[in-house]
Amino acid sequence: MIRNKPPKESPLTQAAGAEFDRLAALIGMLDYLIVESREIEPLAEYFLKMARLSLLEAEQTRADVDGRN
């Protein structure tokens, strides 16, 4: 039986995957902090939500420029 090797990812694809992983980690951390801050300080919760939205908007803009959407 002949097995095909999986296609190698280009450096550009690898970089995009690493960038996505970092973005997902940041969003996950912000989500955790939002829940924790809700009990401590409502203003902190607000600023964390704004940071999360800004991060998502920046990624959406970058995706639009790169033609990923």
PDB file of N, CA and C in Angstrom:
ATOM      1  N   MET A   1       0.829  -1.165   0.000  1.00  0.00           N
ATOM      2  CA  MET A   1       0.000   0.000   0.000  1.00  0.00           C
ATOM      3  C   MET A   1       0.881   1.237   0.000  1.00  0.00           C
ATOM      4  N   ILE A   2       0.598   2.141  -0.888  1.00  0.00           N
ATOM      5  CA  ILE A   2       1.377   3.367  -1.000  1.00  0.00           C
ATOM      6  C   ILE A   2       0.683   4.458  -0.189  1.00  0.00           C
ATOM      7  N   ARG A   3       1.454   5.073   0.664  1.00  0.00           N
ATOM      8  CA  ARG A   3       0.905   6.164   1.471  1.00  0.00           C
ATOM      9  C   ARG A   3       1.492   7.481   0.990  1.00  0.00           C
ATOM     10  N   ASN A   4       0.627   8.405   0.810  1.00  0.00           N
ATOM     11  CA  ASN A   4       1.093   9.735   0.440  1.00  0.00           C
ATOM     12  C   ASN A   4       1.545  10.481   1.683  1.00  0.00           C
ATOM     13  N   LYS A   5       2.614  11.228   1.517  1.00  0.00           N
ATOM     14  CA  LYS A   5       3.060  12.066   2.618  1.00  0.00           C
ATOM     15  C   LYS A   5       2.109  13.248   2.730  1.00  0.00           C
ATOM     16  N   PRO A   6       1.812  13.658   3.937  1.00  0.00           N
ATOM     17  CA  PRO A   6       0.965  14.842   4.062  1.00  0.00           C
ATOM     18  C   PRO A   6       1.702  16.051   3.493  1.00  0.00           C
ATOM     19  N   PRO A   7       0.979  16.949   2.865  1.00  0.00           N
ATOM     20  CA  PRO A   7       1.656  18.104   2.274  1.00  0.00           C
ATOM     21  C   PRO A   7       2.308  18.952   3.356  1.00  0.00           C
ATOM     22  N   LYS A   8       3.493  19.430   3.034  1.00  0.00           N
ATOM     23  CA  LYS A   8       4.188  20.288   3.978  1.00  0.00           C
ATOM     24  C   LYS A   8       3.511  21.647   3.992  1.00  0.00           C
ATOM     25  N   GLU A   9       3.426  22.198   5.179  1.00  0.00           N
ATOM     26  CA  GLU A   9       2.865  23.534   5.286  1.00  0.00           C
ATOM     27  C   GLU A   9       3.939  24.541   4.921  1.00  0.00           C
ATOM     28  N   SER A  10       3.518  25.563   4.230  1.00  0.00           N
ATOM     29  CA  SER A  10       4.464  26.615   3.883  1.00  0.00           C
ATOM     30  C   SER A  10       4.752  27.438   5.132  1.00  0.00           C
ATOM     31  N   PRO A  11       5.870  28.143   5.151  1.00  0.00           N
ATOM     32  CA  PRO A  11       6.161  29.002   6.306  1.00  0.00           C
ATOM     33  C   PRO A  11       5.053  30.024   6.560  1.00  0.00           C
ATOM     34  N   LEU A  12       4.422  30.490   5.500  1.00  0.00           N
ATOM     35  CA  LEU A  12       3.335  31.451   5.653  1.00  0.00           C
ATOM     36  C   LEU A  12       2.147  30.814   6.363  1.00  0.00           C
ATOM     37  N   THR A  13       1.821  29.582   5.999  1.00  0.00           N
ATOM     38  CA  THR A  13       0.720  28.868   6.644  1.00  0.00           C
ATOM     39  C   THR A  13       1.051  28.582   8.104  1.00  0.00           C
ATOM     40  N   GLN A  14       2.295  28.205   8.368  1.00  0.00           N
ATOM     41  CA  GLN A  14       2.708  27.938   9.743  1.00  0.00           C
ATOM     42  C   GLN A  14       2.629  29.206  10.582  1.00  0.00           C
ATOM     43  N   ALA A  15       3.060  30.327  10.016  1.00  0.00           N
ATOM     44  CA  ALA A  15       3.018  31.595  10.743  1.00  0.00           C
ATOM     45  C   ALA A  15       1.581  32.000  11.033  1.00  0.00           C
ATOM     46  N   ALA A  16       0.695  31.793  10.070  1.00  0.00           N
ATOM     47  CA  ALA A  16      -0.719  32.134  10.274  1.00  0.00           C
ATOM     48  C   ALA A  16      -1.323  31.255  11.361  1.00  0.00           C
ATOM     49  N   GLY A  17      -0.953  29.986  11.375  1.00  0.00           N
ATOM     50  CA  GLY A  17      -1.450  29.083  12.411  1.00  0.00           C
ATOM     51  C   GLY A  17      -0.949  29.474  13.788  1.00  0.00           C
ATOM     52  N   ALA A  18       0.324  29.858  13.868  1.00  0.00           N
ATOM     53  CA  ALA A  18       0.885  30.289  15.149  1.00  0.00           C
ATOM     54  C   ALA A  18       0.222  31.579  15.618  1.00  0.00           C
ATOM     55  N   GLU A  19      -0.026  32.485  14.691  1.00  0.00           N
ATOM     56  CA  GLU A  19      -0.699  33.740  15.029  1.00  0.00           C
ATOM     57  C   GLU A  19      -2.113  33.465  15.542  1.00  0.00           C
ATOM     58  N   PHE A  20      -2.815  32.549  14.904  1.00  0.00           N
ATOM     59  CA  PHE A  20      -4.161  32.187  15.347  1.00  0.00           C
ATOM     60  C   PHE A  20      -4.126  31.577  16.744  1.00  0.00           C
ATOM     61  N   ASP A  21      -3.133  30.731  17.006  1.00  0.00           N
ATOM     62  CA  ASP A  21      -3.001  30.117  18.331  1.00  0.00           C
ATOM     63  C   ASP A  21      -2.779  31.177  19.408  1.00  0.00           C
ATOM     64  N   ARG A  22      -1.937  32.169  19.097  1.00  0.00           N
ATOM     65  CA  ARG A  22      -1.693  33.248  20.057  1.00  0.00           C
ATOM     66  C   ARG A  22      -2.961  34.056  20.291  1.00  0.00           C
ATOM     67  N   LEU A  23      -3.683  34.348  19.217  1.00  0.00           N
ATOM     68  CA  LEU A  23      -4.928  35.104  19.327  1.00  0.00           C
ATOM     69  C   LEU A  23      -5.948  34.338  20.167  1.00  0.00           C
ATOM     70  N   ALA A  24      -6.080  33.054  19.915  1.00  0.00           N
ATOM     71  CA  ALA A  24      -7.021  32.232  20.678  1.00  0.00           C
ATOM     72  C   ALA A  24      -6.636  32.191  22.158  1.00  0.00           C
ATOM     73  N   ALA A  25      -5.342  32.129  22.441  1.00  0.00           N
ATOM     74  CA  ALA A  25      -4.885  32.120  23.832  1.00  0.00           C
ATOM     75  C   ALA A  25      -5.200  33.444  24.517  1.00  0.00           C
ATOM     76  N   LEU A  26      -4.980  34.552  23.819  1.00  0.00           N
ATOM     77  CA  LEU A  26      -5.293  35.864  24.390  1.00  0.00           C
ATOM     78  C   LEU A  26      -6.783  36.021  24.663  1.00  0.00           C
ATOM     79  N   ILE A  27      -7.598  35.600  23.720  1.00  0.00           N
ATOM     80  CA  ILE A  27      -9.047  35.709  23.902  1.00  0.00           C
ATOM     81  C   ILE A  27      -9.503  34.822  25.056  1.00  0.00           C
ATOM     82  N   GLY A  28      -8.951  33.640  25.151  1.00  0.00           N
ATOM     83  CA  GLY A  28      -9.284  32.753  26.261  1.00  0.00           C
ATOM     84  C   GLY A  28      -8.903  33.352  27.605  1.00  0.00           C
ATOM     85  N   MET A  29      -7.724  33.978  27.656  1.00  0.00           N
ATOM     86  CA  MET A  29      -7.291  34.608  28.891  1.00  0.00           C
ATOM     87  C   MET A  29      -8.205  35.784  29.245  1.00  0.00           C
ATOM     88  N   LEU A  30      -8.563  36.593  28.252  1.00  0.00           N
ATOM     89  CA  LEU A  30      -9.472  37.713  28.504  1.00  0.00           C
ATOM     90  C   LEU A  30     -10.837  37.221  28.981  1.00  0.00           C
ATOM     91  N   ASP A  31     -11.340  36.161  28.373  1.00  0.00           N
ATOM     92  CA  ASP A  31     -12.628  35.603  28.807  1.00  0.00           C
ATOM     93  C   ASP A  31     -12.572  35.176  30.276  1.00  0.00           C
ATOM     94  N   TYR A  32     -11.475  34.544  30.653  1.00  0.00           N
ATOM     95  CA  TYR A  32     -11.310  34.123  32.044  1.00  0.00           C
ATOM     96  C   TYR A  32     -11.275  35.334  32.973  1.00  0.00           C
ATOM     97  N   LEU A  33     -10.495  36.350  32.590  1.00  0.00           N
ATOM     98  CA  LEU A  33     -10.377  37.542  33.429  1.00  0.00           C
ATOM     99  C   LEU A  33     -11.693  38.301  33.536  1.00  0.00           C
ATOM    100  N   ILE A  34     -12.476  38.303  32.464  1.00  0.00           N
ATOM    101  CA  ILE A  34     -13.776  38.979  32.494  1.00  0.00           C
ATOM    102  C   ILE A  34     -14.672  38.340  33.547  1.00  0.00           C
ATOM    103  N   VAL A  35     -14.715  37.031  33.564  1.00  0.00           N
ATOM    104  CA  VAL A  35     -15.548  36.325  34.549  1.00  0.00           C
ATOM    105  C   VAL A  35     -15.048  36.603  35.966  1.00  0.00           C
ATOM    106  N   GLU A  36     -13.735  36.553  36.159  1.00  0.00           N
ATOM    107  CA  GLU A  36     -13.170  36.782  37.490  1.00  0.00           C
ATOM    108  C   GLU A  36     -13.380  38.223  37.947  1.00  0.00           C
ATOM    109  N   SER A  37     -13.237  39.179  37.045  1.00  0.00           N
ATOM    110  CA  SER A  37     -13.351  40.589  37.426  1.00  0.00           C
ATOM    111  C   SER A  37     -14.791  40.990  37.712  1.00  0.00           C
ATOM    112  N   ARG A  38     -15.738  40.252  37.185  1.00  0.00           N
ATOM    113  CA  ARG A  38     -17.154  40.551  37.398  1.00  0.00           C
ATOM    114  C   ARG A  38     -17.469  40.592  38.895  1.00  0.00           C
ATOM    115  N   GLU A  39     -16.824  39.726  39.656  1.00  0.00           N
ATOM    116  CA  GLU A  39     -17.070  39.663  41.092  1.00  0.00           C
ATOM    117  C   GLU A  39     -16.311  40.738  41.859  1.00  0.00           C
ATOM    118  N   ILE A  40     -15.244  41.262  41.275  1.00  0.00           N
ATOM    119  CA  ILE A  40     -14.372  42.187  41.994  1.00  0.00           C
ATOM    120  C   ILE A  40     -14.685  43.647  41.660  1.00  0.00           C
ATOM    121  N   GLU A  41     -14.636  43.972  40.376  1.00  0.00           N
ATOM    122  CA  GLU A  41     -14.753  45.365  39.964  1.00  0.00           C
ATOM    123  C   GLU A  41     -15.448  45.459  38.610  1.00  0.00           C
ATOM    124  N   PRO A  42     -16.649  46.025  38.579  1.00  0.00           N
ATOM    125  CA  PRO A  42     -17.377  46.135  37.306  1.00  0.00           C
ATOM    126  C   PRO A  42     -16.634  46.952  36.244  1.00  0.00           C
ATOM    127  N   LEU A  43     -15.892  47.972  36.669  1.00  0.00           N
ATOM    128  CA  LEU A  43     -15.166  48.792  35.703  1.00  0.00           C
ATOM    129  C   LEU A  43     -14.048  47.983  35.034  1.00  0.00           C
ATOM    130  N   ALA A  44     -13.396  47.117  35.796  1.00  0.00           N
ATOM    131  CA  ALA A  44     -12.366  46.252  35.219  1.00  0.00           C
ATOM    132  C   ALA A  44     -12.985  45.317  34.193  1.00  0.00           C
ATOM    133  N   GLU A  45     -14.166  44.806  34.496  1.00  0.00           N
ATOM    134  CA  GLU A  45     -14.872  43.939  33.545  1.00  0.00           C
ATOM    135  C   GLU A  45     -15.132  44.683  32.237  1.00  0.00           C
ATOM    136  N   TYR A  46     -15.564  45.926  32.350  1.00  0.00           N
ATOM    137  CA  TYR A  46     -15.841  46.739  31.161  1.00  0.00           C
ATOM    138  C   TYR A  46     -14.586  46.890  30.302  1.00  0.00           C
ATOM    139  N   PHE A  47     -13.462  47.257  30.919  1.00  0.00           N
ATOM    140  CA  PHE A  47     -12.238  47.469  30.151  1.00  0.00           C
ATOM    141  C   PHE A  47     -11.713  46.170  29.544  1.00  0.00           C
ATOM    142  N   LEU A  48     -11.871  45.071  30.236  1.00  0.00           N
ATOM    143  CA  LEU A  48     -11.464  43.786  29.670  1.00  0.00           C
ATOM    144  C   LEU A  48     -12.333  43.416  28.469  1.00  0.00           C
ATOM    145  N   LYS A  49     -13.633  43.700  28.559  1.00  0.00           N
ATOM    146  CA  LYS A  49     -14.515  43.440  27.417  1.00  0.00           C
ATOM    147  C   LYS A  49     -14.132  44.316  26.233  1.00  0.00           C
ATOM    148  N   MET A  50     -13.771  45.574  26.502  1.00  0.00           N
ATOM    149  CA  MET A  50     -13.363  46.468  25.420  1.00  0.00           C
ATOM    150  C   MET A  50     -12.058  45.972  24.780  1.00  0.00           C
ATOM    151  N   ALA A  51     -11.135  45.486  25.603  1.00  0.00           N
ATOM    152  CA  ALA A  51      -9.878  44.948  25.076  1.00  0.00           C
ATOM    153  C   ALA A  51     -10.146  43.741  24.188  1.00  0.00           C
ATOM    154  N   ARG A  52     -11.058  42.886  24.607  1.00  0.00           N
ATOM    155  CA  ARG A  52     -11.414  41.697  23.812  1.00  0.00           C
ATOM    156  C   ARG A  52     -12.024  42.103  22.479  1.00  0.00           C
ATOM    157  N   LEU A  53     -12.946  43.068  22.519  1.00  0.00           N
ATOM    158  CA  LEU A  53     -13.561  43.541  21.279  1.00  0.00           C
ATOM    159  C   LEU A  53     -12.539  44.176  20.345  1.00  0.00           C
ATOM    160  N   SER A  54     -11.628  44.961  20.900  1.00  0.00           N
ATOM    161  CA  SER A  54     -10.588  45.593  20.084  1.00  0.00           C
ATOM    162  C   SER A  54      -9.708  44.550  19.420  1.00  0.00           C
ATOM    163  N   LEU A  55      -9.371  43.517  20.165  1.00  0.00           N
ATOM    164  CA  LEU A  55      -8.548  42.437  19.622  1.00  0.00           C
ATOM    165  C   LEU A  55      -9.271  41.726  18.480  1.00  0.00           C
ATOM    166  N   LEU A  56     -10.544  41.435  18.669  1.00  0.00           N
ATOM    167  CA  LEU A  56     -11.324  40.772  17.621  1.00  0.00           C
ATOM    168  C   LEU A  56     -11.489  41.664  16.391  1.00  0.00           C
ATOM    169  N   GLU A  57     -11.719  42.961  16.600  1.00  0.00           N
ATOM    170  CA  GLU A  57     -11.864  43.880  15.469  1.00  0.00           C
ATOM    171  C   GLU A  57     -10.561  44.005  14.690  1.00  0.00           C
ATOM    172  N   ALA A  58      -9.437  44.052  15.406  1.00  0.00           N
ATOM    173  CA  ALA A  58      -8.142  44.132  14.731  1.00  0.00           C
ATOM    174  C   ALA A  58      -7.892  42.882  13.893  1.00  0.00           C
ATOM    175  N   GLU A  59      -8.227  41.726  14.422  1.00  0.00           N
ATOM    176  CA  GLU A  59      -8.047  40.480  13.668  1.00  0.00           C
ATOM    177  C   GLU A  59      -8.980  40.432  12.473  1.00  0.00           C
ATOM    178  N   GLN A  60     -10.203  40.915  12.641  1.00  0.00           N
ATOM    179  CA  GLN A  60     -11.151  40.941  11.522  1.00  0.00           C
ATOM    180  C   GLN A  60     -10.643  41.853  10.409  1.00  0.00           C
ATOM    181  N   THR A  61     -10.108  43.005  10.782  1.00  0.00           N
ATOM    182  CA  THR A  61      -9.553  43.932   9.796  1.00  0.00           C
ATOM    183  C   THR A  61      -8.375  43.298   9.073  1.00  0.00           C
ATOM    184  N   ARG A  62      -7.495  42.631   9.836  1.00  0.00           N
ATOM    185  CA  ARG A  62      -6.335  41.978   9.216  1.00  0.00           C
ATOM    186  C   ARG A  62      -6.787  40.855   8.284  1.00  0.00           C
ATOM    187  N   ALA A  63      -7.806  40.116   8.684  1.00  0.00           N
ATOM    188  CA  ALA A  63      -8.320  39.036   7.836  1.00  0.00           C
ATOM    189  C   ALA A  63      -8.923  39.597   6.554  1.00  0.00           C
ATOM    190  N   ASP A  64      -9.617  40.718   6.656  1.00  0.00           N
ATOM    191  CA  ASP A  64     -10.190  41.342   5.462  1.00  0.00           C
ATOM    192  C   ASP A  64      -9.101  41.796   4.500  1.00  0.00           C
ATOM    193  N   VAL A  65      -8.036  42.375   5.045  1.00  0.00           N
ATOM    194  CA  VAL A  65      -6.926  42.841   4.206  1.00  0.00           C
ATOM    195  C   VAL A  65      -6.227  41.660   3.547  1.00  0.00           C
ATOM    196  N   ASP A  66      -6.053  40.574   4.296  1.00  0.00           N
ATOM    197  CA  ASP A  66      -5.385  39.381   3.764  1.00  0.00           C
ATOM    198  C   ASP A  66      -6.281  38.575   2.833  1.00  0.00           C
ATOM    199  N   GLY A  67      -7.555  38.924   2.766  1.00  0.00           N
ATOM    200  CA  GLY A  67      -8.482  38.200   1.907  1.00  0.00           C
ATOM    201  C   GLY A  67      -8.939  36.879   2.488  1.00  0.00           C
ATOM    202  N   ARG A  68      -8.892  36.735   3.804  1.00  0.00           N
ATOM    203  CA  ARG A  68      -9.313  35.484   4.436  1.00  0.00           C
ATOM    204  C   ARG A  68     -10.805  35.443   4.687  1.00  0.00           C
ATOM    205  N   ASN A  69     -11.483  36.533   4.465  1.00  0.00           N
ATOM    206  CA  ASN A  69     -12.945  36.544   4.672  1.00  0.00           C
ATOM    207  C   ASN A  69     -13.649  36.868   3.394  1.00  0.00           C
TER     208      ASN A  69
END
